[in-house]
Amino acid sequence: MMSAHNIFVAHRHEDDHLVGELKSMLAKSGAEIRDSSITTDNPNDAHNEEYIRSLLRARIDWAGKMIVIVSPETYNHDWVDWEIEYARKFPDKKIIGVWAPGTTADNLPEELEDFADSIINWDAELIIDALENEHWTDPDGAPTAPHSIPRAPC
């Protein structure tokens, strides 16, 4: 039996459907995922930026791993960038980028390129393995060179 993983899925609200698809795909492959993400199924309805940050901090703190859905919507998006920047402060928190279907390498957020432990294509087995190990692929699934990850302790 696979171990359970507490994750936070960083994404744009335009990609909420991909969060559901990701969790469903992983569950069908036997992964037990507990997700603290904020989606339309679990909205925060907040408008005060500091309050939103406090909600996100608590959810990211709880999660042992962060999955960032890489899509045209996440590139240069302030909240996704902030979530990655916050998560990187924890040396033991894995940050995994997952290329959404149809995404190109041009859609990779700079923060993810700088701080990811893995960046992989939309493949359940690779994603499950990346929860424990390091993997690097381009959006089409071809292997790429690992990246150097500068991490800062809290």
C-alpha atoms as a PDB file:
ATOM      1  CA  MET A   1       0.000   0.000   0.000  1.00  0.00           C
ATOM      2  CA  MET A   2       1.278   3.466  -0.890  1.00  0.00           C
ATOM      3  CA  SER A   3       1.734   6.029   1.825  1.00  0.00           C
ATOM      4  CA  ALA A   4      -0.584   9.010   2.079  1.00  0.00           C
ATOM      5  CA  HIS A   5       0.657  12.406   0.909  1.00  0.00           C
ATOM      6  CA  ASN A   6      -0.462  15.764   2.257  1.00  0.00           C
ATOM      7  CA  ILE A   7      -0.258  18.171  -0.668  1.00  0.00           C
ATOM      8  CA  PHE A   8      -1.103  21.720  -1.583  1.00  0.00           C
ATOM      9  CA  VAL A   9      -1.833  22.248  -5.286  1.00  0.00           C
ATOM     10  CA  ALA A  10      -0.757  25.708  -6.450  1.00  0.00           C
ATOM     11  CA  HIS A  11      -2.771  26.757  -9.483  1.00  0.00           C
ATOM     12  CA  ARG A  12      -4.897  29.490 -10.983  1.00  0.00           C
ATOM     13  CA  HIS A  13      -8.644  29.348 -10.407  1.00  0.00           C
ATOM     14  CA  GLU A  14      -9.025  29.003 -14.185  1.00  0.00           C
ATOM     15  CA  ASP A  15      -7.315  25.613 -13.735  1.00  0.00           C
ATOM     16  CA  ASP A  16      -9.572  24.327 -10.922  1.00  0.00           C
ATOM     17  CA  HIS A  17     -10.777  21.525 -13.187  1.00  0.00           C
ATOM     18  CA  LEU A  18      -7.164  20.345 -13.522  1.00  0.00           C
ATOM     19  CA  VAL A  19      -6.867  20.000  -9.727  1.00  0.00           C
ATOM     20  CA  GLY A  20      -9.816  17.592  -9.774  1.00  0.00           C
ATOM     21  CA  GLU A  21      -8.412  15.726 -12.772  1.00  0.00           C
ATOM     22  CA  LEU A  22      -4.998  15.459 -11.104  1.00  0.00           C
ATOM     23  CA  LYS A  23      -6.407  14.078  -7.852  1.00  0.00           C
ATOM     24  CA  SER A  24      -8.652  11.635  -9.733  1.00  0.00           C
ATOM     25  CA  MET A  25      -5.775  10.442 -11.931  1.00  0.00           C
ATOM     26  CA  LEU A  26      -3.525   9.903  -8.888  1.00  0.00           C
ATOM     27  CA  ALA A  27      -6.269   8.081  -6.953  1.00  0.00           C
ATOM     28  CA  LYS A  28      -6.890   5.726  -9.900  1.00  0.00           C
ATOM     29  CA  SER A  29      -3.175   4.900  -9.793  1.00  0.00           C
ATOM     30  CA  GLY A  30      -3.334   4.049  -6.104  1.00  0.00           C
ATOM     31  CA  ALA A  31      -2.029   7.243  -4.511  1.00  0.00           C
ATOM     32  CA  GLU A  32      -3.684   8.462  -1.333  1.00  0.00           C
ATOM     33  CA  ILE A  33      -3.702  12.258  -1.591  1.00  0.00           C
ATOM     34  CA  ARG A  34      -4.948  14.635   1.089  1.00  0.00           C
ATOM     35  CA  ASP A  35      -5.245  18.081  -0.463  1.00  0.00           C
ATOM     36  CA  SER A  36      -5.374  21.462   1.291  1.00  0.00           C
ATOM     37  CA  SER A  37      -5.781  23.537  -1.882  1.00  0.00           C
ATOM     38  CA  ILE A  38      -8.289  26.325  -2.259  1.00  0.00           C
ATOM     39  CA  THR A  39     -10.592  25.670  -5.222  1.00  0.00           C
ATOM     40  CA  THR A  40     -14.162  26.496  -6.174  1.00  0.00           C
ATOM     41  CA  ASP A  41     -15.092  23.331  -4.236  1.00  0.00           C
ATOM     42  CA  ASN A  42     -13.358  24.837  -1.178  1.00  0.00           C
ATOM     43  CA  PRO A  43     -13.341  28.635  -1.776  1.00  0.00           C
ATOM     44  CA  ASN A  44     -11.948  31.226   0.605  1.00  0.00           C
ATOM     45  CA  ASP A  45     -14.124  34.160  -0.621  1.00  0.00           C
ATOM     46  CA  ALA A  46     -11.596  36.552   0.933  1.00  0.00           C
ATOM     47  CA  HIS A  47     -10.466  39.878  -0.489  1.00  0.00           C
ATOM     48  CA  ASN A  48      -7.941  41.148   2.062  1.00  0.00           C
ATOM     49  CA  GLU A  49      -4.500  40.147   0.752  1.00  0.00           C
ATOM     50  CA  GLU A  50      -2.915  39.625   4.176  1.00  0.00           C
ATOM     51  CA  TYR A  51      -5.834  37.441   5.247  1.00  0.00           C
ATOM     52  CA  ILE A  52      -5.502  35.415   2.027  1.00  0.00           C
ATOM     53  CA  ARG A  53      -1.767  34.983   2.719  1.00  0.00           C
ATOM     54  CA  SER A  54      -2.536  33.744   6.248  1.00  0.00           C
ATOM     55  CA  LEU A  55      -4.963  31.149   4.845  1.00  0.00           C
ATOM     56  CA  LEU A  56      -2.429  30.043   2.242  1.00  0.00           C
ATOM     57  CA  ARG A  57       0.433  29.898   4.775  1.00  0.00           C
ATOM     58  CA  ALA A  58      -1.571  27.576   7.028  1.00  0.00           C
ATOM     59  CA  ARG A  59      -2.485  25.272   4.142  1.00  0.00           C
ATOM     60  CA  ILE A  60       1.052  25.212   2.716  1.00  0.00           C
ATOM     61  CA  ASP A  61       2.515  24.661   6.209  1.00  0.00           C
ATOM     62  CA  TRP A  62       0.241  21.628   6.666  1.00  0.00           C
ATOM     63  CA  ALA A  63       1.230  20.077   3.352  1.00  0.00           C
ATOM     64  CA  GLY A  64       4.464  18.132   3.125  1.00  0.00           C
ATOM     65  CA  LYS A  65       4.545  18.660  -0.625  1.00  0.00           C
ATOM     66  CA  MET A  66       3.436  21.267  -3.117  1.00  0.00           C
ATOM     67  CA  ILE A  67       2.344  20.426  -6.638  1.00  0.00           C
ATOM     68  CA  VAL A  68       2.299  23.388  -9.011  1.00  0.00           C
ATOM     69  CA  ILE A  69       0.100  22.929 -12.069  1.00  0.00           C
ATOM     70  CA  VAL A  70       2.039  24.576 -14.892  1.00  0.00           C
ATOM     71  CA  SER A  71      -0.289  26.077 -17.477  1.00  0.00           C
ATOM     72  CA  PRO A  72      -0.476  29.302 -19.476  1.00  0.00           C
ATOM     73  CA  GLU A  73      -2.530  30.656 -16.548  1.00  0.00           C
ATOM     74  CA  THR A  74       0.229  30.160 -13.923  1.00  0.00           C
ATOM     75  CA  TYR A  75       3.000  31.957 -15.785  1.00  0.00           C
ATOM     76  CA  ASN A  76       3.812  35.261 -14.022  1.00  0.00           C
ATOM     77  CA  HIS A  77       0.828  35.009 -11.713  1.00  0.00           C
ATOM     78  CA  ASP A  78       1.452  36.831  -8.419  1.00  0.00           C
ATOM     79  CA  TRP A  79      -0.336  34.353  -6.143  1.00  0.00           C
ATOM     80  CA  VAL A  80       1.243  31.228  -7.629  1.00  0.00           C
ATOM     81  CA  ASP A  81       4.660  32.935  -7.483  1.00  0.00           C
ATOM     82  CA  TRP A  82       4.027  33.866  -3.833  1.00  0.00           C
ATOM     83  CA  GLU A  83       2.988  30.300  -2.949  1.00  0.00           C
ATOM     84  CA  ILE A  84       6.201  28.886  -4.461  1.00  0.00           C
ATOM     85  CA  GLU A  85       8.321  31.554  -2.740  1.00  0.00           C
ATOM     86  CA  TYR A  86       6.685  30.749   0.594  1.00  0.00           C
ATOM     87  CA  ALA A  87       7.032  26.952   0.227  1.00  0.00           C
ATOM     88  CA  ARG A  88      10.705  27.193  -0.712  1.00  0.00           C
ATOM     89  CA  LYS A  89      11.503  28.541   2.759  1.00  0.00           C
ATOM     90  CA  PHE A  90      11.043  24.988   4.072  1.00  0.00           C
ATOM     91  CA  PRO A  91      14.005  22.806   3.031  1.00  0.00           C
ATOM     92  CA  ASP A  92      12.041  19.586   3.626  1.00  0.00           C
ATOM     93  CA  LYS A  93       8.953  20.618   1.583  1.00  0.00           C
ATOM     94  CA  LYS A  94       9.045  19.128  -1.909  1.00  0.00           C
ATOM     95  CA  ILE A  95       7.935  21.422  -4.736  1.00  0.00           C
ATOM     96  CA  ILE A  96       6.840  19.513  -7.840  1.00  0.00           C
ATOM     97  CA  GLY A  97       5.863  21.197 -11.082  1.00  0.00           C
ATOM     98  CA  VAL A  98       3.442  19.276 -13.297  1.00  0.00           C
ATOM     99  CA  TRP A  99       3.029  20.299 -16.925  1.00  0.00           C
ATOM    100  CA  ALA A 100      -0.699  20.578 -17.690  1.00  0.00           C
ATOM    101  CA  PRO A 101      -1.784  18.953 -20.963  1.00  0.00           C
ATOM    102  CA  GLY A 102      -1.070  21.237 -23.909  1.00  0.00           C
ATOM    103  CA  THR A 103       1.412  23.381 -21.986  1.00  0.00           C
ATOM    104  CA  THR A 104       4.738  24.526 -23.431  1.00  0.00           C
ATOM    105  CA  ALA A 105       8.054  25.210 -21.715  1.00  0.00           C
ATOM    106  CA  ASP A 106       7.350  28.933 -22.203  1.00  0.00           C
ATOM    107  CA  ASN A 107       4.653  28.639 -19.494  1.00  0.00           C
ATOM    108  CA  LEU A 108       7.086  27.723 -16.684  1.00  0.00           C
ATOM    109  CA  PRO A 109       7.003  30.234 -13.813  1.00  0.00           C
ATOM    110  CA  GLU A 110      10.517  31.518 -13.027  1.00  0.00           C
ATOM    111  CA  GLU A 111      10.090  30.721  -9.324  1.00  0.00           C
ATOM    112  CA  LEU A 112       9.294  27.113 -10.177  1.00  0.00           C
ATOM    113  CA  GLU A 113      12.284  26.878 -12.495  1.00  0.00           C
ATOM    114  CA  ASP A 114      14.454  28.196  -9.644  1.00  0.00           C
ATOM    115  CA  PHE A 115      13.035  26.184  -6.728  1.00  0.00           C
ATOM    116  CA  ALA A 116      11.369  22.969  -7.946  1.00  0.00           C
ATOM    117  CA  ASP A 117      12.542  19.566  -6.755  1.00  0.00           C
ATOM    118  CA  SER A 118      11.005  18.039  -9.902  1.00  0.00           C
ATOM    119  CA  ILE A 119       9.173  19.217 -12.994  1.00  0.00           C
ATOM    120  CA  ILE A 120       7.346  16.467 -14.838  1.00  0.00           C
ATOM    121  CA  ASN A 121       4.687  15.888 -17.439  1.00  0.00           C
ATOM    122  CA  TRP A 122       1.067  14.941 -16.761  1.00  0.00           C
ATOM    123  CA  ASP A 123       1.629  11.263 -15.985  1.00  0.00           C
ATOM    124  CA  ALA A 124       0.272   9.592 -12.844  1.00  0.00           C
ATOM    125  CA  GLU A 125       3.176   7.193 -12.322  1.00  0.00           C
ATOM    126  CA  LEU A 126       5.790   9.952 -12.715  1.00  0.00           C
ATOM    127  CA  ILE A 127       3.887  12.283 -10.396  1.00  0.00           C
ATOM    128  CA  ILE A 128       3.536   9.580  -7.742  1.00  0.00           C
ATOM    129  CA  ASP A 129       7.243   8.764  -8.021  1.00  0.00           C
ATOM    130  CA  ALA A 130       8.139  12.482  -7.877  1.00  0.00           C
ATOM    131  CA  LEU A 131       6.380  12.708  -4.507  1.00  0.00           C
ATOM    132  CA  GLU A 132       9.366  10.754  -3.156  1.00  0.00           C
ATOM    133  CA  ASN A 133      12.096  11.062  -5.807  1.00  0.00           C
ATOM    134  CA  GLU A 134      13.446  13.647  -8.218  1.00  0.00           C
ATOM    135  CA  HIS A 135      12.324  13.642 -11.872  1.00  0.00           C
ATOM    136  CA  TRP A 136      12.681  16.139 -14.702  1.00  0.00           C
ATOM    137  CA  THR A 137      10.859  16.080 -18.044  1.00  0.00           C
ATOM    138  CA  ASP A 138       9.773  18.589 -20.638  1.00  0.00           C
ATOM    139  CA  PRO A 139       6.030  19.080 -21.307  1.00  0.00           C
ATOM    140  CA  ASP A 140       6.071  16.183 -23.797  1.00  0.00           C
ATOM    141  CA  GLY A 141       7.657  13.770 -21.309  1.00  0.00           C
ATOM    142  CA  ALA A 142      11.224  13.744 -22.656  1.00  0.00           C
ATOM    143  CA  PRO A 143      13.814  13.653 -19.842  1.00  0.00           C
ATOM    144  CA  THR A 144      15.628  16.923 -19.084  1.00  0.00           C
ATOM    145  CA  ALA A 145      18.618  17.763 -16.909  1.00  0.00           C
ATOM    146  CA  PRO A 146      17.978  18.273 -13.168  1.00  0.00           C
ATOM    147  CA  HIS A 147      18.007  21.836 -11.892  1.00  0.00           C
ATOM    148  CA  SER A 148      20.032  23.208  -9.009  1.00  0.00           C
ATOM    149  CA  ILE A 149      17.751  24.168  -6.130  1.00  0.00           C
ATOM    150  CA  PRO A 150      18.783  27.010  -3.819  1.00  0.00           C
ATOM    151  CA  ARG A 151      16.823  26.679  -0.568  1.00  0.00           C
ATOM    152  CA  ALA A 152      16.797  28.959   2.423  1.00  0.00           C
ATOM    153  CA  PRO A 153      15.921  27.716   5.909  1.00  0.00           C
ATOM    154  CA  CYS A 154      13.082  29.409   7.804  1.00  0.00           C
END
